C-alpha cells in the first residue's frame, strides 16, 4: 500500500502539547473539509503533486533522521487507512507518533489499537464553515496524552468552544488549546475571554512556526 506524501521535513512542533520540540513531519495529500482559514489548501486537492511511498519507506526515512517525535498531518491523514498502519509501525520502532486530524473522522479504530498514536484533534468552530461535519463521538475516545484544538476567529467561536469544553468536560479528559485564526483575532482578546469565563485548564496557543518563519512558508 502506498501513501501520497506531499512533503516530509524536520522542524519543531508549532503547536500541541509538544510545541517547540523537534519532530519529523509527514504530510499527506487530500482533505475532506474546506475550512475558511485553511493554510494547507495546496495539499488538499486530488491533483496536488505527491510522491507515493510505502509505510516501510517512510519508517526508514524517519529512522535516518534520528528524530523520535513523528507528526502525521495533511490535509487529513486519516483519509488514508495506511496512515494508521504507518503509525503503528513507527510506534513499534520506538517513535512517539502524533496524528493531526480535523475532527470529522472517527478515531475509534486507532484509539483501540495496541500501538496507539497520540491525537491532536481539531474541532471546527462556526467561522470555519465546517462544524456540521464534526464527529463529537471522538471526544469520548481522547485520553490524557491527546489534545483538542479549537481554532477561533471570533467571539462566537470562543463562545462555542466554551460550551463544548464544559459539556464534554474536556479539561478532565485531555489537553485543551485555543488558537487564534492567524490575523483574524487578537490573542489578547482570547486571554480576556478566558479570564472572563474562568477557563481553568485551557491553554492559549500561538502557532510558533508562523512567528519564527514567514507565515505561508512550507516545510517548517
N, C-alpha and C. Protein backbone atom coordinates (compact mmCIF):
# COMPACT_ATOMS: atom_id res chain seq x y z
N UNK A 1 0.84 -1.19 0.00
CA UNK A 1 0.00 0.00 0.00
C UNK A 1 0.88 1.25 0.00
N UNK A 2 0.54 2.20 -0.85
CA UNK A 2 1.35 3.40 -0.99
C UNK A 2 0.58 4.62 -0.49
N UNK A 3 1.32 5.54 0.10
CA UNK A 3 0.74 6.76 0.66
C UNK A 3 1.18 7.97 -0.14
N UNK A 4 0.23 8.90 -0.45
CA UNK A 4 0.60 10.11 -1.21
C UNK A 4 1.18 11.18 -0.29
N UNK A 5 2.49 11.36 -0.37
CA UNK A 5 3.20 12.29 0.52
C UNK A 5 3.51 13.57 -0.25
N UNK A 6 3.00 14.70 0.23
CA UNK A 6 3.27 15.98 -0.45
C UNK A 6 4.52 16.66 0.08
N UNK A 7 4.89 16.35 1.33
CA UNK A 7 6.17 16.83 1.85
C UNK A 7 6.52 16.07 3.13
N UNK A 8 7.81 15.99 3.39
CA UNK A 8 8.29 15.47 4.68
C UNK A 8 9.52 16.28 5.05
N UNK A 9 9.64 16.61 6.32
CA UNK A 9 10.69 17.52 6.74
C UNK A 9 10.87 17.43 8.26
N UNK A 10 11.97 17.99 8.72
CA UNK A 10 12.25 18.10 10.15
C UNK A 10 12.07 19.55 10.57
N UNK A 11 11.35 19.76 11.65
CA UNK A 11 11.19 21.10 12.20
C UNK A 11 10.81 20.95 13.67
N UNK A 12 10.36 22.03 14.28
CA UNK A 12 9.78 21.93 15.61
C UNK A 12 8.27 21.80 15.47
N UNK A 13 7.66 21.14 16.43
CA UNK A 13 6.20 21.18 16.51
C UNK A 13 5.78 22.62 16.78
N UNK A 14 4.92 23.14 15.91
CA UNK A 14 4.48 24.52 16.07
C UNK A 14 3.33 24.68 17.03
N UNK A 15 2.67 23.57 17.37
CA UNK A 15 1.51 23.64 18.25
C UNK A 15 1.31 22.28 18.91
N UNK A 16 0.39 22.24 19.87
CA UNK A 16 0.11 21.00 20.58
C UNK A 16 0.90 20.87 21.87
N UNK A 17 0.71 19.74 22.55
CA UNK A 17 1.32 19.53 23.86
C UNK A 17 2.84 19.47 23.79
N UNK A 18 3.39 19.16 22.60
CA UNK A 18 4.85 19.08 22.44
C UNK A 18 5.38 20.22 21.57
N UNK A 19 4.69 21.36 21.59
CA UNK A 19 5.15 22.53 20.85
C UNK A 19 6.57 22.88 21.24
N UNK A 20 7.39 23.19 20.24
CA UNK A 20 8.77 23.57 20.48
C UNK A 20 9.74 22.42 20.40
N UNK A 21 9.24 21.17 20.38
CA UNK A 21 10.12 20.01 20.28
C UNK A 21 10.35 19.63 18.82
N UNK A 22 11.54 19.09 18.55
CA UNK A 22 11.82 18.59 17.21
C UNK A 22 10.85 17.49 16.83
N UNK A 23 10.46 17.47 15.56
CA UNK A 23 9.58 16.42 15.05
C UNK A 23 9.88 16.17 13.58
N UNK A 24 9.66 14.94 13.17
CA UNK A 24 9.69 14.58 11.76
C UNK A 24 8.25 14.64 11.25
N UNK A 25 8.01 15.50 10.28
CA UNK A 25 6.66 15.70 9.75
C UNK A 25 6.49 14.94 8.44
N UNK A 26 5.35 14.26 8.32
CA UNK A 26 4.95 13.64 7.05
C UNK A 26 3.56 14.17 6.73
N UNK A 27 3.47 14.89 5.62
CA UNK A 27 2.19 15.49 5.23
C UNK A 27 1.60 14.73 4.05
N UNK A 28 0.35 14.29 4.21
CA UNK A 28 -0.33 13.54 3.17
C UNK A 28 -1.29 14.42 2.36
N UNK A 29 -1.51 14.00 1.15
CA UNK A 29 -2.39 14.73 0.23
C UNK A 29 -3.86 14.44 0.54
N UNK A 30 -4.69 15.47 0.39
CA UNK A 30 -6.12 15.28 0.42
C UNK A 30 -6.78 15.65 1.73
N UNK A 31 -7.96 16.26 1.62
CA UNK A 31 -8.75 16.61 2.80
C UNK A 31 -10.23 16.54 2.42
N UNK A 32 -11.05 16.15 3.38
CA UNK A 32 -12.49 16.06 3.15
C UNK A 32 -13.24 17.31 3.59
N UNK A 33 -12.52 18.30 4.12
CA UNK A 33 -13.13 19.56 4.53
C UNK A 33 -12.52 20.71 3.74
N UNK A 34 -13.15 21.88 3.86
CA UNK A 34 -12.63 23.08 3.20
C UNK A 34 -12.85 24.26 4.13
N UNK A 35 -11.98 24.39 5.12
CA UNK A 35 -12.14 25.43 6.14
C UNK A 35 -11.82 26.81 5.57
N UNK A 36 -12.51 27.80 6.06
CA UNK A 36 -12.36 29.16 5.54
C UNK A 36 -10.95 29.69 5.72
N UNK A 37 -10.24 29.22 6.74
CA UNK A 37 -8.92 29.75 7.07
C UNK A 37 -7.80 28.76 6.75
N UNK A 38 -8.08 27.72 5.99
CA UNK A 38 -7.10 26.66 5.75
C UNK A 38 -5.78 27.24 5.24
N UNK A 39 -4.66 26.77 5.85
CA UNK A 39 -3.35 27.24 5.40
C UNK A 39 -2.57 26.15 4.67
N UNK A 40 -3.25 25.04 4.34
CA UNK A 40 -2.60 23.99 3.54
C UNK A 40 -3.47 23.59 2.35
N UNK A 41 -4.20 24.56 1.80
CA UNK A 41 -5.07 24.26 0.65
C UNK A 41 -4.30 23.62 -0.50
N UNK A 42 -3.05 24.00 -0.64
CA UNK A 42 -2.22 23.49 -1.73
C UNK A 42 -2.04 21.97 -1.64
N UNK A 43 -2.20 21.41 -0.44
CA UNK A 43 -2.00 19.97 -0.26
C UNK A 43 -3.30 19.17 -0.32
N UNK A 44 -4.42 19.86 -0.43
CA UNK A 44 -5.71 19.21 -0.23
C UNK A 44 -6.37 18.68 -1.50
N UNK A 45 -5.92 19.11 -2.65
CA UNK A 45 -6.59 18.71 -3.88
C UNK A 45 -6.09 17.36 -4.37
N UNK A 46 -6.92 16.69 -5.16
CA UNK A 46 -6.58 15.37 -5.67
C UNK A 46 -5.37 15.39 -6.59
N UNK A 47 -5.13 16.52 -7.23
CA UNK A 47 -4.01 16.60 -8.18
C UNK A 47 -2.78 17.32 -7.61
N UNK A 48 -2.76 17.53 -6.29
CA UNK A 48 -1.57 18.12 -5.67
C UNK A 48 -0.38 17.20 -5.90
N UNK A 49 0.78 17.74 -6.31
CA UNK A 49 1.95 16.89 -6.54
C UNK A 49 2.30 16.09 -5.29
N UNK A 50 2.54 14.79 -5.47
CA UNK A 50 2.85 13.92 -4.34
C UNK A 50 3.76 12.79 -4.79
N UNK A 51 4.56 12.31 -3.85
CA UNK A 51 5.36 11.10 -4.05
C UNK A 51 4.67 9.96 -3.33
N UNK A 52 4.52 8.83 -3.99
CA UNK A 52 3.88 7.69 -3.37
C UNK A 52 4.94 6.82 -2.70
N UNK A 53 4.79 6.66 -1.39
CA UNK A 53 5.77 5.92 -0.60
C UNK A 53 5.06 4.91 0.30
N UNK A 54 5.73 3.81 0.55
CA UNK A 54 5.18 2.77 1.41
C UNK A 54 5.45 3.11 2.87
N UNK A 55 4.73 2.44 3.77
CA UNK A 55 4.97 2.63 5.20
C UNK A 55 6.41 2.26 5.55
N UNK A 56 6.94 1.20 4.97
CA UNK A 56 8.32 0.80 5.25
C UNK A 56 9.31 1.87 4.80
N UNK A 57 9.07 2.47 3.63
CA UNK A 57 9.97 3.52 3.13
C UNK A 57 9.93 4.73 4.05
N UNK A 58 8.74 5.10 4.50
CA UNK A 58 8.63 6.26 5.39
C UNK A 58 9.24 5.97 6.75
N UNK A 59 9.08 4.76 7.24
CA UNK A 59 9.70 4.40 8.52
C UNK A 59 11.22 4.44 8.41
N UNK A 60 11.76 4.04 7.27
CA UNK A 60 13.21 4.12 7.09
C UNK A 60 13.67 5.57 7.08
N UNK A 61 12.92 6.45 6.42
CA UNK A 61 13.27 7.87 6.41
C UNK A 61 13.27 8.44 7.82
N UNK A 62 12.26 8.10 8.61
CA UNK A 62 12.20 8.58 9.99
C UNK A 62 13.43 8.09 10.76
N UNK A 63 13.76 6.82 10.61
CA UNK A 63 14.92 6.26 11.32
C UNK A 63 16.19 7.01 10.94
N UNK A 64 16.34 7.37 9.66
CA UNK A 64 17.53 8.08 9.20
C UNK A 64 17.62 9.48 9.79
N UNK A 65 16.48 10.11 10.11
CA UNK A 65 16.52 11.46 10.67
C UNK A 65 17.05 11.47 12.09
N UNK A 66 16.87 10.38 12.82
CA UNK A 66 17.27 10.34 14.22
C UNK A 66 16.30 11.06 15.15
N UNK A 67 15.16 11.52 14.61
CA UNK A 67 14.17 12.24 15.41
C UNK A 67 13.09 11.26 15.86
N UNK A 68 12.74 11.30 17.14
CA UNK A 68 11.84 10.30 17.70
C UNK A 68 10.38 10.72 17.70
N UNK A 69 10.10 12.03 17.66
CA UNK A 69 8.72 12.51 17.54
C UNK A 69 8.33 12.56 16.07
N UNK A 70 7.20 11.96 15.73
CA UNK A 70 6.74 11.96 14.35
C UNK A 70 5.32 12.53 14.32
N UNK A 71 5.08 13.47 13.42
CA UNK A 71 3.76 14.06 13.25
C UNK A 71 3.24 13.71 11.87
N UNK A 72 2.10 13.02 11.84
CA UNK A 72 1.42 12.70 10.59
C UNK A 72 0.32 13.73 10.41
N UNK A 73 0.34 14.43 9.28
CA UNK A 73 -0.56 15.56 9.10
C UNK A 73 -1.04 15.63 7.67
N UNK A 74 -1.76 16.67 7.33
CA UNK A 74 -2.32 16.79 5.98
C UNK A 74 -2.55 18.23 5.62
N UNK A 75 -3.62 18.46 4.81
CA UNK A 75 -4.68 17.52 4.55
C UNK A 75 -5.25 16.85 5.78
N UNK A 76 -5.84 15.70 5.52
CA UNK A 76 -6.40 14.86 6.58
C UNK A 76 -5.79 13.47 6.49
N UNK A 77 -4.84 13.15 7.38
CA UNK A 77 -4.14 11.87 7.26
C UNK A 77 -5.04 10.65 7.41
N UNK A 78 -6.14 10.77 8.17
CA UNK A 78 -6.97 9.60 8.41
C UNK A 78 -7.86 9.23 7.22
N UNK A 79 -7.76 10.00 6.14
CA UNK A 79 -8.41 9.56 4.89
C UNK A 79 -7.70 8.35 4.32
N UNK A 80 -6.48 8.11 4.78
CA UNK A 80 -5.66 7.02 4.25
C UNK A 80 -5.51 5.95 5.33
N UNK A 81 -6.15 4.81 5.12
CA UNK A 81 -6.08 3.72 6.09
C UNK A 81 -4.63 3.34 6.40
N UNK A 82 -3.78 3.47 5.38
CA UNK A 82 -2.38 3.09 5.55
C UNK A 82 -1.64 4.02 6.51
N UNK A 83 -2.18 5.22 6.72
CA UNK A 83 -1.54 6.13 7.68
C UNK A 83 -1.59 5.56 9.09
N UNK A 84 -2.69 4.90 9.41
CA UNK A 84 -2.79 4.24 10.70
C UNK A 84 -1.81 3.09 10.82
N UNK A 85 -1.62 2.36 9.73
CA UNK A 85 -0.66 1.27 9.73
C UNK A 85 0.77 1.80 9.88
N UNK A 86 1.04 2.94 9.25
CA UNK A 86 2.34 3.58 9.41
C UNK A 86 2.56 3.99 10.86
N UNK A 87 1.53 4.57 11.47
CA UNK A 87 1.64 4.99 12.87
C UNK A 87 2.00 3.81 13.76
N UNK A 88 1.30 2.69 13.57
CA UNK A 88 1.58 1.51 14.39
C UNK A 88 3.00 1.00 14.18
N UNK A 89 3.46 1.01 12.93
CA UNK A 89 4.81 0.57 12.62
C UNK A 89 5.85 1.45 13.31
N UNK A 90 5.65 2.77 13.24
CA UNK A 90 6.59 3.70 13.85
C UNK A 90 6.61 3.57 15.37
N UNK A 91 5.45 3.37 15.96
CA UNK A 91 5.38 3.22 17.42
C UNK A 91 6.12 1.96 17.85
N UNK A 92 5.93 0.89 17.09
CA UNK A 92 6.63 -0.36 17.40
C UNK A 92 8.15 -0.20 17.30
N UNK A 93 8.60 0.79 16.51
CA UNK A 93 10.03 1.05 16.36
C UNK A 93 10.53 2.08 17.38
N UNK A 94 9.66 2.47 18.30
CA UNK A 94 10.08 3.34 19.39
C UNK A 94 9.79 4.81 19.23
N UNK A 95 9.03 5.19 18.20
CA UNK A 95 8.70 6.60 17.99
C UNK A 95 7.45 7.00 18.78
N UNK A 96 7.38 8.27 19.12
CA UNK A 96 6.13 8.87 19.58
C UNK A 96 5.45 9.44 18.36
N UNK A 97 4.25 8.94 18.05
CA UNK A 97 3.56 9.35 16.83
C UNK A 97 2.32 10.16 17.18
N UNK A 98 2.25 11.34 16.60
CA UNK A 98 1.10 12.23 16.77
C UNK A 98 0.38 12.35 15.44
N UNK A 99 -0.92 12.16 15.46
CA UNK A 99 -1.74 12.33 14.26
C UNK A 99 -2.56 13.60 14.41
N UNK A 100 -2.35 14.54 13.50
CA UNK A 100 -3.14 15.77 13.48
C UNK A 100 -4.35 15.53 12.59
N UNK A 101 -5.54 15.56 13.19
CA UNK A 101 -6.75 15.22 12.46
C UNK A 101 -7.80 16.31 12.61
N UNK A 102 -8.67 16.43 11.62
CA UNK A 102 -9.59 17.57 11.57
C UNK A 102 -10.89 17.38 12.34
N UNK A 103 -11.08 16.24 12.99
CA UNK A 103 -12.24 16.05 13.85
C UNK A 103 -13.47 15.50 13.16
N UNK A 104 -13.38 15.20 11.88
CA UNK A 104 -14.55 14.72 11.13
C UNK A 104 -14.56 13.21 10.93
N UNK A 105 -13.46 12.54 11.26
CA UNK A 105 -13.33 11.11 11.02
C UNK A 105 -13.18 10.38 12.35
N UNK A 106 -13.89 9.27 12.49
CA UNK A 106 -13.86 8.52 13.75
C UNK A 106 -12.45 8.07 14.09
N UNK A 107 -12.11 8.21 15.36
CA UNK A 107 -10.81 7.77 15.88
C UNK A 107 -10.89 6.37 16.48
N UNK A 108 -12.05 5.74 16.41
CA UNK A 108 -12.30 4.53 17.18
C UNK A 108 -11.30 3.42 16.91
N UNK A 109 -11.01 3.16 15.65
CA UNK A 109 -10.13 2.03 15.34
C UNK A 109 -8.72 2.27 15.89
N UNK A 110 -8.17 3.44 15.64
CA UNK A 110 -6.81 3.71 16.10
C UNK A 110 -6.74 3.92 17.61
N UNK A 111 -7.81 4.45 18.21
CA UNK A 111 -7.82 4.65 19.66
C UNK A 111 -7.79 3.32 20.39
N UNK A 112 -8.27 2.27 19.73
CA UNK A 112 -8.30 0.94 20.35
C UNK A 112 -7.08 0.10 19.97
N UNK A 113 -6.19 0.64 19.14
CA UNK A 113 -5.04 -0.13 18.67
C UNK A 113 -4.06 -0.42 19.80
N UNK A 114 -3.41 -1.57 19.72
CA UNK A 114 -2.41 -1.94 20.72
C UNK A 114 -1.29 -0.90 20.75
N UNK A 115 -0.84 -0.49 19.57
CA UNK A 115 0.17 0.58 19.45
C UNK A 115 -0.58 1.86 19.11
N UNK A 116 -1.04 2.56 20.14
CA UNK A 116 -1.94 3.69 19.95
C UNK A 116 -1.16 4.98 19.72
N UNK A 117 -1.49 5.74 18.66
CA UNK A 117 -0.86 7.05 18.48
C UNK A 117 -1.48 8.09 19.41
N UNK A 118 -0.84 9.24 19.46
CA UNK A 118 -1.40 10.40 20.15
C UNK A 118 -2.19 11.22 19.14
N UNK A 119 -3.36 11.71 19.54
CA UNK A 119 -4.19 12.51 18.65
C UNK A 119 -4.15 13.99 19.03
N UNK A 120 -3.94 14.84 18.04
CA UNK A 120 -4.23 16.26 18.17
C UNK A 120 -5.40 16.53 17.25
N UNK A 121 -6.57 16.69 17.84
CA UNK A 121 -7.81 16.75 17.07
C UNK A 121 -8.39 18.16 17.08
N UNK A 122 -8.61 18.69 15.90
CA UNK A 122 -9.33 19.95 15.79
C UNK A 122 -10.81 19.72 16.03
N UNK A 123 -11.46 20.75 16.56
CA UNK A 123 -12.92 20.84 16.47
C UNK A 123 -13.19 22.11 15.70
N UNK A 124 -13.83 21.99 14.56
CA UNK A 124 -14.05 23.14 13.68
C UNK A 124 -15.22 23.99 14.19
N UNK A 125 -14.90 25.22 14.54
CA UNK A 125 -15.88 26.15 15.08
C UNK A 125 -16.64 26.87 13.97
N UNK A 126 -17.69 27.64 14.30
CA UNK A 126 -18.57 28.20 13.26
C UNK A 126 -17.87 28.95 12.14
N UNK A 127 -16.84 29.74 12.43
CA UNK A 127 -16.23 30.54 11.37
C UNK A 127 -15.51 29.69 10.33
N UNK A 128 -15.24 28.44 10.66
CA UNK A 128 -14.59 27.54 9.69
C UNK A 128 -15.54 27.15 8.56
N UNK A 129 -16.86 27.20 8.84
CA UNK A 129 -17.86 26.74 7.88
C UNK A 129 -18.00 25.23 7.83
N UNK A 130 -17.33 24.51 8.74
CA UNK A 130 -17.27 23.05 8.68
C UNK A 130 -17.78 22.36 9.94
N UNK A 131 -18.39 23.09 10.86
CA UNK A 131 -18.76 22.48 12.13
C UNK A 131 -19.74 21.32 11.96
N UNK A 132 -20.60 21.38 10.96
CA UNK A 132 -21.61 20.34 10.78
C UNK A 132 -20.99 18.96 10.53
N UNK A 133 -19.73 18.92 10.15
CA UNK A 133 -19.08 17.65 9.83
C UNK A 133 -18.32 17.05 11.01
N UNK A 134 -18.36 17.70 12.15
CA UNK A 134 -17.59 17.21 13.28
C UNK A 134 -18.18 15.93 13.87
N UNK A 135 -17.28 15.05 14.27
CA UNK A 135 -17.64 13.77 14.89
C UNK A 135 -17.47 13.91 16.41
N UNK A 136 -18.53 14.32 17.09
CA UNK A 136 -18.43 14.59 18.52
C UNK A 136 -18.16 13.32 19.34
N UNK A 137 -18.48 12.17 18.78
CA UNK A 137 -18.21 10.92 19.49
C UNK A 137 -16.72 10.75 19.76
N UNK A 138 -15.88 11.44 18.98
CA UNK A 138 -14.44 11.34 19.20
C UNK A 138 -14.02 11.84 20.57
N UNK A 139 -14.78 12.78 21.14
CA UNK A 139 -14.39 13.33 22.45
C UNK A 139 -14.21 12.23 23.49
N UNK A 140 -15.09 11.22 23.46
CA UNK A 140 -15.04 10.17 24.49
C UNK A 140 -13.84 9.24 24.30
N UNK A 141 -13.18 9.31 23.14
CA UNK A 141 -12.05 8.43 22.85
C UNK A 141 -10.71 9.04 23.22
N UNK A 142 -10.72 10.30 23.63
CA UNK A 142 -9.47 11.00 23.93
C UNK A 142 -9.01 10.72 25.35
N UNK A 143 -7.69 10.74 25.53
CA UNK A 143 -7.12 10.49 26.85
C UNK A 143 -6.12 11.56 27.23
N UNK A 144 -5.39 11.30 28.30
CA UNK A 144 -4.55 12.33 28.91
C UNK A 144 -3.39 12.78 28.03
N UNK A 145 -3.01 11.98 27.05
CA UNK A 145 -1.91 12.37 26.16
C UNK A 145 -2.40 13.08 24.90
N UNK A 146 -3.72 13.11 24.70
CA UNK A 146 -4.30 13.69 23.49
C UNK A 146 -4.65 15.16 23.69
N UNK A 147 -4.97 15.81 22.57
CA UNK A 147 -5.25 17.25 22.58
C UNK A 147 -6.47 17.54 21.72
N UNK A 148 -7.32 18.44 22.21
CA UNK A 148 -8.36 19.07 21.37
C UNK A 148 -7.93 20.50 21.13
N UNK A 149 -8.00 20.90 19.88
CA UNK A 149 -7.59 22.25 19.50
C UNK A 149 -8.79 22.97 18.90
N UNK A 150 -9.10 24.14 19.44
CA UNK A 150 -10.18 24.98 18.93
C UNK A 150 -9.55 26.20 18.26
N UNK A 151 -9.59 26.25 16.94
CA UNK A 151 -9.07 27.40 16.19
C UNK A 151 -10.20 28.42 16.09
N UNK A 152 -9.98 29.58 16.69
CA UNK A 152 -11.06 30.56 16.87
C UNK A 152 -10.76 31.85 16.12
N UNK A 153 -11.79 32.34 15.42
CA UNK A 153 -11.63 33.56 14.66
C UNK A 153 -12.57 34.68 15.09
N UNK A 154 -13.40 34.41 16.11
CA UNK A 154 -14.40 35.39 16.51
C UNK A 154 -14.88 35.09 17.93
N UNK A 155 -15.61 36.02 18.49
CA UNK A 155 -16.21 35.80 19.81
C UNK A 155 -17.21 34.66 19.76
N UNK A 156 -17.96 34.55 18.66
CA UNK A 156 -18.90 33.43 18.52
C UNK A 156 -18.17 32.09 18.59
N UNK A 157 -17.00 32.03 17.96
CA UNK A 157 -16.20 30.81 18.03
C UNK A 157 -15.80 30.51 19.48
N UNK A 158 -15.37 31.53 20.18
CA UNK A 158 -14.94 31.32 21.57
C UNK A 158 -16.10 30.86 22.44
N UNK A 159 -17.28 31.42 22.23
CA UNK A 159 -18.46 31.01 22.98
C UNK A 159 -18.79 29.55 22.72
N UNK A 160 -18.69 29.14 21.46
CA UNK A 160 -18.97 27.74 21.12
C UNK A 160 -17.93 26.81 21.74
N UNK A 161 -16.67 27.20 21.69
CA UNK A 161 -15.62 26.39 22.31
C UNK A 161 -15.88 26.22 23.80
N UNK A 162 -16.25 27.29 24.47
CA UNK A 162 -16.52 27.23 25.91
C UNK A 162 -17.67 26.26 26.21
N UNK A 163 -18.71 26.28 25.37
CA UNK A 163 -19.84 25.36 25.55
C UNK A 163 -19.38 23.91 25.46
N UNK A 164 -18.58 23.61 24.45
CA UNK A 164 -18.15 22.23 24.22
C UNK A 164 -17.20 21.75 25.32
N UNK A 165 -16.29 22.62 25.74
CA UNK A 165 -15.36 22.26 26.80
C UNK A 165 -16.11 21.90 28.07
N UNK A 166 -17.15 22.67 28.38
CA UNK A 166 -17.95 22.41 29.57
C UNK A 166 -18.81 21.16 29.40
N UNK A 167 -19.49 21.06 28.26
CA UNK A 167 -20.42 19.94 28.03
C UNK A 167 -19.72 18.59 28.09
N UNK A 168 -18.53 18.51 27.48
CA UNK A 168 -17.82 17.23 27.41
C UNK A 168 -16.71 17.10 28.46
N UNK A 169 -16.63 18.08 29.37
CA UNK A 169 -15.65 18.07 30.46
C UNK A 169 -14.25 17.77 29.91
N UNK A 170 -13.90 18.49 28.88
CA UNK A 170 -12.69 18.17 28.13
C UNK A 170 -11.41 18.38 28.94
N UNK A 171 -11.40 19.37 29.82
CA UNK A 171 -10.18 19.60 30.58
C UNK A 171 -9.89 18.47 31.57
N UNK A 172 -10.89 17.65 31.86
CA UNK A 172 -10.69 16.48 32.72
C UNK A 172 -10.23 15.26 31.92
N UNK A 173 -10.30 15.39 30.60
CA UNK A 173 -10.05 14.23 29.73
C UNK A 173 -8.72 14.33 28.99
N UNK A 174 -8.37 15.53 28.52
CA UNK A 174 -7.23 15.69 27.61
C UNK A 174 -6.70 17.12 27.69
N UNK A 175 -5.64 17.41 26.93
CA UNK A 175 -5.18 18.78 26.80
C UNK A 175 -6.18 19.57 25.95
N UNK A 176 -6.39 20.83 26.30
CA UNK A 176 -7.31 21.69 25.55
C UNK A 176 -6.60 22.99 25.22
N UNK A 177 -6.57 23.31 23.91
CA UNK A 177 -5.92 24.53 23.44
C UNK A 177 -6.91 25.37 22.64
N UNK A 178 -6.78 26.67 22.78
CA UNK A 178 -7.48 27.61 21.89
C UNK A 178 -6.41 28.37 21.12
N UNK A 179 -6.56 28.39 19.81
CA UNK A 179 -5.62 29.09 18.93
C UNK A 179 -6.38 30.15 18.14
N UNK A 180 -5.76 31.30 17.89
CA UNK A 180 -6.41 32.29 17.03
C UNK A 180 -6.25 31.92 15.56
N UNK A 181 -7.27 32.22 14.76
CA UNK A 181 -7.08 32.22 13.32
C UNK A 181 -6.08 33.34 13.04
N UNK A 182 -4.96 32.99 12.43
CA UNK A 182 -3.86 33.94 12.29
C UNK A 182 -4.32 35.20 11.57
N UNK A 183 -4.18 36.35 12.25
CA UNK A 183 -4.54 37.64 11.65
C UNK A 183 -6.00 38.01 11.76
N UNK A 184 -6.83 37.14 12.35
CA UNK A 184 -8.27 37.41 12.40
C UNK A 184 -8.77 37.86 13.76
N UNK A 185 -8.06 37.47 14.82
CA UNK A 185 -8.49 37.84 16.17
C UNK A 185 -7.24 38.11 16.99
N UNK A 186 -7.32 39.11 17.84
CA UNK A 186 -6.19 39.46 18.69
C UNK A 186 -6.05 38.43 19.81
N UNK A 187 -4.90 37.78 19.95
CA UNK A 187 -4.74 36.82 21.04
C UNK A 187 -5.09 37.40 22.41
N UNK A 188 -4.88 38.71 22.59
CA UNK A 188 -5.23 39.34 23.87
C UNK A 188 -6.72 39.24 24.14
N UNK A 189 -7.53 39.27 23.08
CA UNK A 189 -8.98 39.13 23.25
C UNK A 189 -9.35 37.72 23.71
N UNK A 190 -8.58 36.73 23.26
CA UNK A 190 -8.81 35.36 23.71
C UNK A 190 -8.47 35.25 25.19
N UNK A 191 -7.36 35.86 25.60
CA UNK A 191 -6.99 35.84 27.02
C UNK A 191 -8.09 36.49 27.86
N UNK A 192 -8.61 37.61 27.40
CA UNK A 192 -9.69 38.30 28.14
C UNK A 192 -10.92 37.40 28.26
N UNK A 193 -11.23 36.69 27.17
CA UNK A 193 -12.38 35.78 27.18
C UNK A 193 -12.13 34.64 28.18
N UNK A 194 -10.93 34.09 28.17
CA UNK A 194 -10.60 33.00 29.09
C UNK A 194 -10.72 33.45 30.54
N UNK A 195 -10.27 34.67 30.79
CA UNK A 195 -10.36 35.21 32.15
C UNK A 195 -11.81 35.41 32.56
N UNK A 196 -12.59 36.02 31.67
CA UNK A 196 -14.00 36.30 31.96
C UNK A 196 -14.78 35.02 32.23
N UNK A 197 -14.45 33.95 31.52
CA UNK A 197 -15.19 32.69 31.63
C UNK A 197 -14.49 31.68 32.55
N UNK A 198 -13.45 32.11 33.24
CA UNK A 198 -12.75 31.25 34.20
C UNK A 198 -12.41 29.89 33.58
N UNK A 199 -11.71 29.93 32.44
CA UNK A 199 -11.43 28.71 31.68
C UNK A 199 -10.17 28.04 32.21
N UNK A 200 -10.30 27.50 33.43
CA UNK A 200 -9.19 26.79 34.06
C UNK A 200 -8.87 25.54 33.25
N UNK A 201 -7.58 25.26 33.10
CA UNK A 201 -7.16 24.05 32.39
C UNK A 201 -7.09 24.20 30.88
N UNK A 202 -7.47 25.37 30.36
CA UNK A 202 -7.41 25.64 28.91
C UNK A 202 -6.18 26.50 28.64
N UNK A 203 -5.48 26.22 27.56
CA UNK A 203 -4.28 26.98 27.22
C UNK A 203 -4.47 27.75 25.92
N UNK A 204 -4.03 28.99 25.91
CA UNK A 204 -3.90 29.74 24.67
C UNK A 204 -2.66 29.22 23.94
N UNK A 205 -2.79 29.02 22.65
CA UNK A 205 -1.68 28.51 21.86
C UNK A 205 -1.50 29.36 20.62
N UNK A 206 -0.29 29.81 20.40
CA UNK A 206 0.07 30.52 19.17
C UNK A 206 0.91 29.58 18.32
N UNK A 207 0.72 29.62 17.02
CA UNK A 207 1.45 28.74 16.11
C UNK A 207 2.89 29.25 15.98
N UNK A 208 3.81 28.58 16.66
CA UNK A 208 5.19 29.05 16.74
C UNK A 208 5.82 29.25 15.37
N UNK A 209 5.55 28.33 14.45
CA UNK A 209 6.21 28.39 13.14
C UNK A 209 5.82 29.64 12.36
N UNK A 210 4.65 30.21 12.67
CA UNK A 210 4.23 31.42 11.95
C UNK A 210 4.87 32.68 12.51
N UNK A 211 5.52 32.56 13.65
CA UNK A 211 6.26 33.68 14.22
C UNK A 211 7.75 33.56 13.94
N UNK A 212 8.23 32.33 13.83
CA UNK A 212 9.64 32.11 13.55
C UNK A 212 9.95 32.35 12.08
N UNK A 213 9.05 31.86 11.22
CA UNK A 213 9.23 31.98 9.78
C UNK A 213 8.07 32.75 9.16
N UNK A 214 8.18 33.08 7.91
CA UNK A 214 7.09 33.74 7.18
C UNK A 214 5.87 32.82 7.24
N UNK A 215 4.66 33.37 7.56
CA UNK A 215 3.51 32.52 7.88
C UNK A 215 3.10 31.51 6.81
N UNK A 216 3.36 31.79 5.55
CA UNK A 216 2.94 30.85 4.50
C UNK A 216 4.06 29.92 4.05
N UNK A 217 5.21 29.97 4.69
CA UNK A 217 6.33 29.15 4.29
C UNK A 217 6.04 27.67 4.51
N UNK A 218 6.40 26.84 3.54
CA UNK A 218 6.23 25.40 3.65
C UNK A 218 7.49 24.76 4.23
N UNK A 219 7.33 23.51 4.66
CA UNK A 219 8.49 22.75 5.12
C UNK A 219 9.02 23.17 6.47
N UNK A 220 8.19 23.85 7.25
CA UNK A 220 8.60 24.24 8.60
C UNK A 220 7.51 23.89 9.61
